[in-house]
Amino acid sequence: MTIVGMTLERFFRTWTSYYLLVTDFPNEQALNAVGLPPELRTENPDEKTFTQIIKFFDPKLPDYNPDPYTRPFDVVGIRKLLHSTF
């Protein structure tokens, strides 16, 4: 298992922002609505851009490039992390 967001809101803001950027015509109003700052808006988003977006919206995420195969969490690890955060 892995953790892709510390809260549902942070997860949605991160992924919505990224997918708004990768569309052919990113909507400024939508980017403003999710709260993505202008300095993170780019015409050619890549993995680095995505990592910066994650760090902005979810700074307490334990792994900014979660991979359940190389850096997995077990149930005990997830419980410890979530209980220490909330």
PDB file of N, CA and C in Angstrom:
ATOM      1  N   MET A   1       0.840  -1.179   0.000  1.00  0.00           N
ATOM      2  CA  MET A   1       0.000   0.000   0.000  1.00  0.00           C
ATOM      3  C   MET A   1       0.887   1.245   0.000  1.00  0.00           C
ATOM      4  N   THR A   2       0.292   2.342  -0.394  1.00  0.00           N
ATOM      5  CA  THR A   2       0.980   3.616  -0.336  1.00  0.00           C
ATOM      6  C   THR A   2      -0.031   4.711  -0.005  1.00  0.00           C
ATOM      7  N   ILE A   3       0.467   5.869   0.334  1.00  0.00           N
ATOM      8  CA  ILE A   3      -0.400   6.997   0.656  1.00  0.00           C
ATOM      9  C   ILE A   3      -0.241   8.033  -0.441  1.00  0.00           C
ATOM     10  N   VAL A   4      -1.342   8.442  -1.055  1.00  0.00           N
ATOM     11  CA  VAL A   4      -1.302   9.405  -2.163  1.00  0.00           C
ATOM     12  C   VAL A   4      -1.872  10.759  -1.769  1.00  0.00           C
ATOM     13  N   GLY A   5      -2.307  10.891  -0.527  1.00  0.00           N
ATOM     14  CA  GLY A   5      -2.811  12.164  -0.034  1.00  0.00           C
ATOM     15  C   GLY A   5      -3.126  12.052   1.440  1.00  0.00           C
ATOM     16  N   MET A   6      -2.789  13.103   2.193  1.00  0.00           N
ATOM     17  CA  MET A   6      -3.055  13.070   3.622  1.00  0.00           C
ATOM     18  C   MET A   6      -4.523  13.369   3.935  1.00  0.00           C
ATOM     19  N   THR A   7      -5.190  14.044   3.031  1.00  0.00           N
ATOM     20  CA  THR A   7      -6.633  14.243   3.146  1.00  0.00           C
ATOM     21  C   THR A   7      -7.219  14.123   1.745  1.00  0.00           C
ATOM     22  N   LEU A   8      -8.508  13.895   1.685  1.00  0.00           N
ATOM     23  CA  LEU A   8      -9.166  13.789   0.387  1.00  0.00           C
ATOM     24  C   LEU A   8      -9.083  15.126  -0.357  1.00  0.00           C
ATOM     25  N   GLU A   9      -9.248  16.229   0.366  1.00  0.00           N
ATOM     26  CA  GLU A   9      -9.160  17.548  -0.267  1.00  0.00           C
ATOM     27  C   GLU A   9      -7.789  17.773  -0.899  1.00  0.00           C
ATOM     28  N   ARG A  10      -6.730  17.451  -0.186  1.00  0.00           N
ATOM     29  CA  ARG A  10      -5.369  17.637  -0.728  1.00  0.00           C
ATOM     30  C   ARG A  10      -5.148  16.765  -1.954  1.00  0.00           C
ATOM     31  N   PHE A  11      -5.615  15.531  -1.884  1.00  0.00           N
ATOM     32  CA  PHE A  11      -5.508  14.624  -3.022  1.00  0.00           C
ATOM     33  C   PHE A  11      -6.209  15.205  -4.246  1.00  0.00           C
ATOM     34  N   PHE A  12      -7.458  15.646  -4.059  1.00  0.00           N
ATOM     35  CA  PHE A  12      -8.214  16.192  -5.194  1.00  0.00           C
ATOM     36  C   PHE A  12      -7.593  17.473  -5.739  1.00  0.00           C
ATOM     37  N   ARG A  13      -7.121  18.359  -4.885  1.00  0.00           N
ATOM     38  CA  ARG A  13      -6.491  19.596  -5.363  1.00  0.00           C
ATOM     39  C   ARG A  13      -5.232  19.291  -6.170  1.00  0.00           C
ATOM     40  N   THR A  14      -4.434  18.359  -5.689  1.00  0.00           N
ATOM     41  CA  THR A  14      -3.204  17.981  -6.383  1.00  0.00           C
ATOM     42  C   THR A  14      -3.505  17.431  -7.771  1.00  0.00           C
ATOM     43  N   TRP A  15      -4.322  16.402  -7.819  1.00  0.00           N
ATOM     44  CA  TRP A  15      -4.581  15.734  -9.091  1.00  0.00           C
ATOM     45  C   TRP A  15      -5.390  16.594 -10.051  1.00  0.00           C
ATOM     46  N   THR A  16      -6.347  17.354  -9.535  1.00  0.00           N
ATOM     47  CA  THR A  16      -7.128  18.236 -10.400  1.00  0.00           C
ATOM     48  C   THR A  16      -6.231  19.293 -11.019  1.00  0.00           C
ATOM     49  N   SER A  17      -5.354  19.877 -10.224  1.00  0.00           N
ATOM     50  CA  SER A  17      -4.435  20.890 -10.746  1.00  0.00           C
ATOM     51  C   SER A  17      -3.563  20.320 -11.858  1.00  0.00           C
ATOM     52  N   TYR A  18      -2.997  19.158 -11.599  1.00  0.00           N
ATOM     53  CA  TYR A  18      -2.114  18.559 -12.603  1.00  0.00           C
ATOM     54  C   TYR A  18      -2.880  18.267 -13.896  1.00  0.00           C
ATOM     55  N   TYR A  19      -4.053  17.663 -13.779  1.00  0.00           N
ATOM     56  CA  TYR A  19      -4.799  17.324 -14.996  1.00  0.00           C
ATOM     57  C   TYR A  19      -5.339  18.550 -15.711  1.00  0.00           C
ATOM     58  N   LEU A  20      -5.611  19.617 -14.980  1.00  0.00           N
ATOM     59  CA  LEU A  20      -5.978  20.859 -15.657  1.00  0.00           C
ATOM     60  C   LEU A  20      -4.810  21.381 -16.487  1.00  0.00           C
ATOM     61  N   LEU A  21      -3.592  21.208 -15.990  1.00  0.00           N
ATOM     62  CA  LEU A  21      -2.416  21.678 -16.719  1.00  0.00           C
ATOM     63  C   LEU A  21      -2.129  20.842 -17.964  1.00  0.00           C
ATOM     64  N   VAL A  22      -2.402  19.554 -17.918  1.00  0.00           N
ATOM     65  CA  VAL A  22      -2.063  18.703 -19.062  1.00  0.00           C
ATOM     66  C   VAL A  22      -3.117  18.732 -20.163  1.00  0.00           C
ATOM     67  N   THR A  23      -4.232  19.391 -19.923  1.00  0.00           N
ATOM     68  CA  THR A  23      -5.217  19.528 -20.996  1.00  0.00           C
ATOM     69  C   THR A  23      -4.693  20.503 -22.046  1.00  0.00           C
ATOM     70  N   ASP A  24      -5.258  20.463 -23.225  1.00  0.00           N
ATOM     71  CA  ASP A  24      -4.815  21.347 -24.302  1.00  0.00           C
ATOM     72  C   ASP A  24      -5.073  22.812 -23.999  1.00  0.00           C
ATOM     73  N   PHE A  25      -6.107  23.093 -23.237  1.00  0.00           N
ATOM     74  CA  PHE A  25      -6.473  24.477 -22.923  1.00  0.00           C
ATOM     75  C   PHE A  25      -6.769  24.603 -21.431  1.00  0.00           C
ATOM     76  N   PRO A  26      -5.721  24.745 -20.599  1.00  0.00           N
ATOM     77  CA  PRO A  26      -5.965  24.872 -19.166  1.00  0.00           C
ATOM     78  C   PRO A  26      -6.843  26.095 -18.872  1.00  0.00           C
ATOM     79  N   ASN A  27      -7.786  25.926 -18.011  1.00  0.00           N
ATOM     80  CA  ASN A  27      -8.735  26.976 -17.673  1.00  0.00           C
ATOM     81  C   ASN A  27      -8.222  27.747 -16.452  1.00  0.00           C
ATOM     82  N   GLU A  28      -7.931  29.031 -16.638  1.00  0.00           N
ATOM     83  CA  GLU A  28      -7.402  29.867 -15.554  1.00  0.00           C
ATOM     84  C   GLU A  28      -8.367  29.934 -14.374  1.00  0.00           C
ATOM     85  N   GLN A  29      -9.650  30.032 -14.659  1.00  0.00           N
ATOM     86  CA  GLN A  29     -10.628  30.105 -13.571  1.00  0.00           C
ATOM     87  C   GLN A  29     -10.614  28.826 -12.738  1.00  0.00           C
ATOM     88  N   ALA A  30     -10.492  27.699 -13.403  1.00  0.00           N
ATOM     89  CA  ALA A  30     -10.452  26.426 -12.681  1.00  0.00           C
ATOM     90  C   ALA A  30      -9.168  26.316 -11.861  1.00  0.00           C
ATOM     91  N   LEU A  31      -8.040  26.731 -12.441  1.00  0.00           N
ATOM     92  CA  LEU A  31      -6.769  26.707 -11.700  1.00  0.00           C
ATOM     93  C   LEU A  31      -6.833  27.639 -10.495  1.00  0.00           C
ATOM     94  N   ASN A  32      -7.471  28.780 -10.661  1.00  0.00           N
ATOM     95  CA  ASN A  32      -7.655  29.696  -9.534  1.00  0.00           C
ATOM     96  C   ASN A  32      -8.546  29.074  -8.466  1.00  0.00           C
ATOM     97  N   ALA A  33      -9.593  28.377  -8.904  1.00  0.00           N
ATOM     98  CA  ALA A  33     -10.543  27.778  -7.966  1.00  0.00           C
ATOM     99  C   ALA A  33      -9.895  26.701  -7.101  1.00  0.00           C
ATOM    100  N   VAL A  34      -8.991  25.913  -7.677  1.00  0.00           N
ATOM    101  CA  VAL A  34      -8.323  24.883  -6.870  1.00  0.00           C
ATOM    102  C   VAL A  34      -7.162  25.454  -6.076  1.00  0.00           C
ATOM    103  N   GLY A  35      -6.770  26.684  -6.389  1.00  0.00           N
ATOM    104  CA  GLY A  35      -5.732  27.351  -5.602  1.00  0.00           C
ATOM    105  C   GLY A  35      -4.309  27.129  -6.074  1.00  0.00           C
ATOM    106  N   LEU A  36      -4.129  26.739  -7.332  1.00  0.00           N
ATOM    107  CA  LEU A  36      -2.769  26.528  -7.839  1.00  0.00           C
ATOM    108  C   LEU A  36      -2.111  27.878  -8.094  1.00  0.00           C
ATOM    109  N   PRO A  37      -0.963  28.151  -7.446  1.00  0.00           N
ATOM    110  CA  PRO A  37      -0.314  29.447  -7.629  1.00  0.00           C
ATOM    111  C   PRO A  37       0.285  29.590  -9.032  1.00  0.00           C
ATOM    112  N   PRO A  38       0.359  30.807  -9.534  1.00  0.00           N
ATOM    113  CA  PRO A  38       0.875  31.042 -10.892  1.00  0.00           C
ATOM    114  C   PRO A  38       2.260  30.466 -11.148  1.00  0.00           C
ATOM    115  N   GLU A  39       3.116  30.454 -10.152  1.00  0.00           N
ATOM    116  CA  GLU A  39       4.479  29.950 -10.368  1.00  0.00           C
ATOM    117  C   GLU A  39       4.541  28.444 -10.618  1.00  0.00           C
ATOM    118  N   LEU A  40       3.460  27.728 -10.328  1.00  0.00           N
ATOM    119  CA  LEU A  40       3.425  26.290 -10.609  1.00  0.00           C
ATOM    120  C   LEU A  40       2.680  25.957 -11.903  1.00  0.00           C
ATOM    121  N   ARG A  41       2.199  26.960 -12.579  1.00  0.00           N
ATOM    122  CA  ARG A  41       1.466  26.748 -13.832  1.00  0.00           C
ATOM    123  C   ARG A  41       2.453  26.759 -14.990  1.00  0.00           C
ATOM    124  N   THR A  42       2.447  25.694 -15.753  1.00  0.00           N
ATOM    125  CA  THR A  42       3.368  25.564 -16.863  1.00  0.00           C
ATOM    126  C   THR A  42       2.656  24.972 -18.065  1.00  0.00           C
ATOM    127  N   GLU A  43       3.158  25.270 -19.244  1.00  0.00           N
ATOM    128  CA  GLU A  43       2.541  24.744 -20.461  1.00  0.00           C
ATOM    129  C   GLU A  43       2.941  23.306 -20.732  1.00  0.00           C
ATOM    130  N   ASN A  44       4.052  22.880 -20.180  1.00  0.00           N
ATOM    131  CA  ASN A  44       4.546  21.513 -20.400  1.00  0.00           C
ATOM    132  C   ASN A  44       4.825  20.828 -19.065  1.00  0.00           C
ATOM    133  N   PRO A  45       3.768  20.467 -18.337  1.00  0.00           N
ATOM    134  CA  PRO A  45       3.998  19.841 -17.030  1.00  0.00           C
ATOM    135  C   PRO A  45       4.667  18.480 -17.180  1.00  0.00           C
ATOM    136  N   ASP A  46       5.573  18.216 -16.265  1.00  0.00           N
ATOM    137  CA  ASP A  46       6.274  16.935 -16.262  1.00  0.00           C
ATOM    138  C   ASP A  46       6.277  16.379 -14.841  1.00  0.00           C
ATOM    139  N   GLU A  47       7.080  15.358 -14.606  1.00  0.00           N
ATOM    140  CA  GLU A  47       7.126  14.729 -13.279  1.00  0.00           C
ATOM    141  C   GLU A  47       7.601  15.724 -12.220  1.00  0.00           C
ATOM    142  N   LYS A  48       8.538  16.569 -12.584  1.00  0.00           N
ATOM    143  CA  LYS A  48       9.032  17.586 -11.642  1.00  0.00           C
ATOM    144  C   LYS A  48       7.903  18.553 -11.263  1.00  0.00           C
ATOM    145  N   THR A  49       7.116  18.972 -12.247  1.00  0.00           N
ATOM    146  CA  THR A  49       5.982  19.856 -11.990  1.00  0.00           C
ATOM    147  C   THR A  49       4.998  19.176 -11.044  1.00  0.00           C
ATOM    148  N   PHE A  50       4.715  17.909 -11.307  1.00  0.00           N
ATOM    149  CA  PHE A  50       3.778  17.173 -10.463  1.00  0.00           C
ATOM    150  C   PHE A  50       4.283  17.099  -9.026  1.00  0.00           C
ATOM    151  N   THR A  51       5.566  16.847  -8.848  1.00  0.00           N
ATOM    152  CA  THR A  51       6.142  16.791  -7.505  1.00  0.00           C
ATOM    153  C   THR A  51       6.021  18.136  -6.803  1.00  0.00           C
ATOM    154  N   GLN A  52       6.241  19.224  -7.525  1.00  0.00           N
ATOM    155  CA  GLN A  52       6.104  20.555  -6.939  1.00  0.00           C
ATOM    156  C   GLN A  52       4.656  20.827  -6.523  1.00  0.00           C
ATOM    157  N   ILE A  53       3.712  20.375  -7.331  1.00  0.00           N
ATOM    158  CA  ILE A  53       2.291  20.545  -6.998  1.00  0.00           C
ATOM    159  C   ILE A  53       1.950  19.744  -5.740  1.00  0.00           C
ATOM    160  N   ILE A  54       2.437  18.508  -5.673  1.00  0.00           N
ATOM    161  CA  ILE A  54       2.191  17.686  -4.480  1.00  0.00           C
ATOM    162  C   ILE A  54       2.768  18.372  -3.247  1.00  0.00           C
ATOM    163  N   LYS A  55       3.998  18.853  -3.340  1.00  0.00           N
ATOM    164  CA  LYS A  55       4.633  19.512  -2.190  1.00  0.00           C
ATOM    165  C   LYS A  55       3.865  20.761  -1.769  1.00  0.00           C
ATOM    166  N   PHE A  56       3.283  21.465  -2.729  1.00  0.00           N
ATOM    167  CA  PHE A  56       2.516  22.660  -2.402  1.00  0.00           C
ATOM    168  C   PHE A  56       1.227  22.310  -1.673  1.00  0.00           C
ATOM    169  N   PHE A  57       0.450  21.387  -2.221  1.00  0.00           N
ATOM    170  CA  PHE A  57      -0.854  21.068  -1.651  1.00  0.00           C
ATOM    171  C   PHE A  57      -0.793  20.106  -0.471  1.00  0.00           C
ATOM    172  N   ASP A  58       0.216  19.245  -0.413  1.00  0.00           N
ATOM    173  CA  ASP A  58       0.256  18.202   0.607  1.00  0.00           C
ATOM    174  C   ASP A  58       1.661  18.078   1.196  1.00  0.00           C
ATOM    175  N   PRO A  59       2.129  19.122   1.899  1.00  0.00           N
ATOM    176  CA  PRO A  59       3.513  19.131   2.378  1.00  0.00           C
ATOM    177  C   PRO A  59       3.842  18.041   3.398  1.00  0.00           C
ATOM    178  N   LYS A  60       2.847  17.469   4.049  1.00  0.00           N
ATOM    179  CA  LYS A  60       3.110  16.419   5.040  1.00  0.00           C
ATOM    180  C   LYS A  60       3.063  15.013   4.448  1.00  0.00           C
ATOM    181  N   LEU A  61       2.848  14.913   3.144  1.00  0.00           N
ATOM    182  CA  LEU A  61       2.837  13.597   2.504  1.00  0.00           C
ATOM    183  C   LEU A  61       4.212  12.963   2.688  1.00  0.00           C
ATOM    184  N   PRO A  62       4.280  11.737   3.190  1.00  0.00           N
ATOM    185  CA  PRO A  62       5.576  11.134   3.507  1.00  0.00           C
ATOM    186  C   PRO A  62       6.443  10.810   2.290  1.00  0.00           C
ATOM    187  N   ASP A  63       5.842  10.650   1.128  1.00  0.00           N
ATOM    188  CA  ASP A  63       6.597  10.277  -0.065  1.00  0.00           C
ATOM    189  C   ASP A  63       5.978  11.005  -1.248  1.00  0.00           C
ATOM    190  N   TYR A  64       6.735  11.910  -1.865  1.00  0.00           N
ATOM    191  CA  TYR A  64       6.190  12.707  -2.961  1.00  0.00           C
ATOM    192  C   TYR A  64       6.155  11.949  -4.285  1.00  0.00           C
ATOM    193  N   ASN A  65       6.703  10.758  -4.294  1.00  0.00           N
ATOM    194  CA  ASN A  65       6.638   9.905  -5.472  1.00  0.00           C
ATOM    195  C   ASN A  65       6.266   8.501  -4.986  1.00  0.00           C
ATOM    196  N   PRO A  66       5.027   8.344  -4.511  1.00  0.00           N
ATOM    197  CA  PRO A  66       4.660   7.083  -3.883  1.00  0.00           C
ATOM    198  C   PRO A  66       4.720   5.898  -4.841  1.00  0.00           C
ATOM    199  N   ASP A  67       5.310   4.832  -4.366  1.00  0.00           N
ATOM    200  CA  ASP A  67       5.421   3.610  -5.163  1.00  0.00           C
ATOM    201  C   ASP A  67       5.216   2.417  -4.230  1.00  0.00           C
ATOM    202  N   PRO A  68       4.066   1.774  -4.322  1.00  0.00           N
ATOM    203  CA  PRO A  68       3.778   0.681  -3.401  1.00  0.00           C
ATOM    204  C   PRO A  68       4.670  -0.542  -3.607  1.00  0.00           C
ATOM    205  N   TYR A  69       5.384  -0.599  -4.713  1.00  0.00           N
ATOM    206  CA  TYR A  69       6.237  -1.758  -4.976  1.00  0.00           C
ATOM    207  C   TYR A  69       7.648  -1.580  -4.433  1.00  0.00           C
ATOM    208  N   THR A  70       8.168  -0.362  -4.438  1.00  0.00           N
ATOM    209  CA  THR A  70       9.527  -0.148  -3.950  1.00  0.00           C
ATOM    210  C   THR A  70       9.570   0.496  -2.568  1.00  0.00           C
ATOM    211  N   ARG A  71       8.520   1.255  -2.203  1.00  0.00           N
ATOM    212  CA  ARG A  71       8.464   1.907  -0.896  1.00  0.00           C
ATOM    213  C   ARG A  71       7.066   1.734  -0.297  1.00  0.00           C
ATOM    214  N   PRO A  72       6.701   0.498  -0.003  1.00  0.00           N
ATOM    215  CA  PRO A  72       5.331   0.263   0.470  1.00  0.00           C
ATOM    216  C   PRO A  72       5.142   0.633   1.947  1.00  0.00           C
ATOM    217  N   PHE A  73       3.892   0.861   2.308  1.00  0.00           N
ATOM    218  CA  PHE A  73       3.478   1.004   3.692  1.00  0.00           C
ATOM    219  C   PHE A  73       2.661  -0.228   4.046  1.00  0.00           C
ATOM    220  N   ASP A  74       2.793  -0.675   5.277  1.00  0.00           N
ATOM    221  CA  ASP A  74       1.882  -1.710   5.745  1.00  0.00           C
ATOM    222  C   ASP A  74       0.796  -1.033   6.568  1.00  0.00           C
ATOM    223  N   VAL A  75      -0.170  -1.798   7.006  1.00  0.00           N
ATOM    224  CA  VAL A  75      -1.303  -1.243   7.748  1.00  0.00           C
ATOM    225  C   VAL A  75      -0.816  -0.522   9.009  1.00  0.00           C
ATOM    226  N   VAL A  76       0.125  -1.103   9.708  1.00  0.00           N
ATOM    227  CA  VAL A  76       0.635  -0.499  10.944  1.00  0.00           C
ATOM    228  C   VAL A  76       1.313   0.841  10.634  1.00  0.00           C
ATOM    229  N   GLY A  77       2.101   0.899   9.570  1.00  0.00           N
ATOM    230  CA  GLY A  77       2.777   2.135   9.190  1.00  0.00           C
ATOM    231  C   GLY A  77       1.796   3.234   8.815  1.00  0.00           C
ATOM    232  N   ILE A  78       0.744   2.875   8.108  1.00  0.00           N
ATOM    233  CA  ILE A  78      -0.272   3.864   7.720  1.00  0.00           C
ATOM    234  C   ILE A  78      -1.005   4.376   8.952  1.00  0.00           C
ATOM    235  N   ARG A  79      -1.366   3.485   9.861  1.00  0.00           N
ATOM    236  CA  ARG A  79      -2.057   3.911  11.088  1.00  0.00           C
ATOM    237  C   ARG A  79      -1.186   4.869  11.902  1.00  0.00           C
ATOM    238  N   LYS A  80       0.092   4.536  12.058  1.00  0.00           N
ATOM    239  CA  LYS A  80       1.008   5.405  12.809  1.00  0.00           C
ATOM    240  C   LYS A  80       1.090   6.788  12.170  1.00  0.00           C
ATOM    241  N   LEU A  81       1.230   6.819  10.865  1.00  0.00           N
ATOM    242  CA  LEU A  81       1.345   8.091  10.162  1.00  0.00           C
ATOM    243  C   LEU A  81       0.067   8.910  10.312  1.00  0.00           C
ATOM    244  N   LEU A  82      -1.067   8.308  10.105  1.00  0.00           N
ATOM    245  CA  LEU A  82      -2.326   9.038  10.181  1.00  0.00           C
ATOM    246  C   LEU A  82      -2.641   9.492  11.599  1.00  0.00           C
ATOM    247  N   HIS A  83      -2.321   8.679  12.594  1.00  0.00           N
ATOM    248  CA  HIS A  83      -2.579   9.080  13.980  1.00  0.00           C
ATOM    249  C   HIS A  83      -1.638  10.186  14.436  1.00  0.00           C
ATOM    250  N   SER A  84      -0.436  10.217  13.910  1.00  0.00           N
ATOM    251  CA  SER A  84       0.497  11.278  14.292  1.00  0.00           C
ATOM    252  C   SER A  84       0.169  12.593  13.584  1.00  0.00           C
ATOM    253  N   THR A  85      -0.573  12.525  12.505  1.00  0.00           N
ATOM    254  CA  THR A  85      -0.905  13.710  11.712  1.00  0.00           C
ATOM    255  C   THR A  85      -2.162  14.392  12.210  1.00  0.00           C
ATOM    256  N   PHE A  86      -3.145  13.614  12.633  1.00  0.00           N
ATOM    257  CA  PHE A  86      -4.441  14.190  13.001  1.00  0.00           C
ATOM    258  C   PHE A  86      -4.583  14.295  14.469  1.00  0.00           C
TER     259      PHE A  86
END
